[in-house]
Protein backbone atom coordinates (compact mmCIF):
# COMPACT_ATOMS: atom_id res chain seq x y z
CA MET A 1 75.11 102.37 105.56
CA SER A 2 75.37 106.35 103.93
CA LYS A 3 78.31 107.65 102.93
CA GLU A 4 79.67 111.37 103.27
CA THR A 5 82.50 113.13 101.90
CA THR A 6 85.23 113.85 103.91
CA THR A 7 87.79 116.69 102.68
CA VAL A 8 91.38 116.10 103.58
CA LYS A 9 94.53 118.07 102.49
CA ILE A 10 97.54 115.95 101.90
CA LEU A 11 100.85 118.05 100.36
CA GLY A 12 98.78 120.46 99.79
CA ALA A 13 96.25 118.68 97.67
CA SER A 14 92.43 118.31 98.76
CA TYR A 15 90.38 115.31 98.18
CA LYS A 16 87.18 114.16 98.66
CA ILE A 17 87.21 111.17 100.50
CA ALA A 18 83.96 109.19 100.64
CA CYS A 19 82.94 107.19 104.10
CA PRO A 20 80.84 106.15 106.95
CA PRO A 21 79.97 109.88 108.88
CA GLU A 22 80.99 107.68 112.40
CA GLU A 23 84.32 107.57 110.39
CA SER A 24 84.94 110.99 108.95
CA GLU A 25 87.86 112.00 112.08
CA GLU A 26 89.28 109.22 111.65
CA VAL A 27 89.97 109.56 108.20
CA LYS A 28 91.27 113.36 108.59
CA LYS A 29 93.73 112.03 111.47
CA ALA A 30 94.74 109.67 109.20
CA ALA A 31 95.17 112.30 106.27
CA ILE A 32 97.02 114.21 109.11
CA PHE A 33 99.62 111.49 110.26
CA LEU A 34 100.25 110.31 106.66
CA ASP A 35 100.72 114.53 105.54
CA ASN A 36 103.06 114.62 108.60
CA LYS A 37 105.16 111.41 107.42
CA LEU A 38 105.23 112.49 103.96
CA ASN A 39 106.68 115.46 104.89
CA GLU A 40 109.40 114.09 107.36
CA VAL A 41 110.27 112.13 104.37
CA LYS A 42 110.30 114.90 101.70
CA GLU A 43 112.64 116.77 104.04
CA SER A 44 114.98 114.89 105.67
CA SER A 45 115.54 112.70 102.17
CA GLY A 46 115.27 115.82 99.66
CA LEU A 47 113.40 113.07 97.19
CA ASP A 48 110.16 114.16 94.91
CA GLU A 49 106.87 114.09 95.95
CA LYS A 50 106.39 110.14 94.61
CA ARG A 51 109.45 108.88 95.79
CA ALA A 52 108.80 110.43 98.99
CA ALA A 53 104.97 108.79 99.06
CA ILE A 54 106.64 105.65 97.97
CA ILE A 55 109.37 105.60 100.99
CA THR A 56 106.62 106.83 103.47
CA ALA A 57 104.53 103.66 102.02
CA LEU A 58 106.85 101.31 103.19
CA ASN A 59 108.31 102.77 106.36
CA ILE A 60 104.06 103.28 107.46
CA SER A 61 103.59 99.52 106.41
CA ASN A 62 106.76 98.37 108.29
CA GLU A 63 105.31 99.77 111.51
CA TYR A 64 102.82 98.06 111.06
CA LEU A 65 103.79 94.73 110.41
CA LYS A 66 106.09 94.62 112.68
CA ASN A 67 102.87 95.95 115.97
CA LEU A 68 100.78 93.03 114.23
CA SER A 69 103.72 90.66 115.31
CA ASP A 70 104.37 92.35 118.82
CA VAL A 71 100.41 91.67 119.15
CA SER A 72 100.70 88.13 117.87
CA LYS A 73 103.20 87.92 120.25
CA ASP A 74 101.68 89.09 122.73
CA GLU A 75 98.89 86.84 122.30
CA SER A 76 100.94 83.86 122.43
CA VAL A 77 102.71 84.80 125.84
CA ASN A 78 99.00 85.70 127.10
CA GLN A 79 97.89 81.87 126.37
CA GLY A 80 101.66 80.89 127.69
CA LEU A 81 100.25 82.60 131.40
CA ASP A 82 96.79 81.29 131.08
CA ASN A 83 98.01 78.17 130.59
CA LEU A 84 100.45 78.18 133.39
CA THR A 85 98.07 79.68 135.61
CA LEU A 86 95.29 76.90 135.06
CA GLU A 87 98.52 74.15 135.97
CA VAL A 88 98.90 75.79 139.29
CA LYS A 89 95.56 76.36 140.40
CA LYS A 90 95.06 72.13 139.94
CA GLN A 91 99.07 71.63 141.46
CA LEU A 92 97.26 74.18 144.73
CA LYS A 93 93.82 71.89 144.21
CA SER A 94 95.43 68.70 144.88
CA LEU A 95 97.82 69.44 147.27
CA SER A 96 95.04 71.05 149.51
CA PHE A 97 93.36 67.92 148.65
CA LYS A 98 96.39 65.64 150.40
CA ALA A 99 96.55 68.46 153.31
CA GLN A 100 92.93 66.80 154.56
């Protein structure tokens, strides 16, 4: 797997990030997202960059974990619906045999 260097700018500083060529655009998008979030926290709180980075990382981590939890709930609901669908199909099948 080859790597290339992608340059991103976060809080005015440039960073060279090594990543596979096919991930370059995603890395750039992630850097823009992070830069925007960092600037939001800095501007709304007046915190220095280090504290703003910690709060931003905590906020992003919290959002990520909530989304994981939501996906897990969705999978559980989908499994329940699949089980219910199978049960309904069984009942319909048994009813159609009784009707004959």
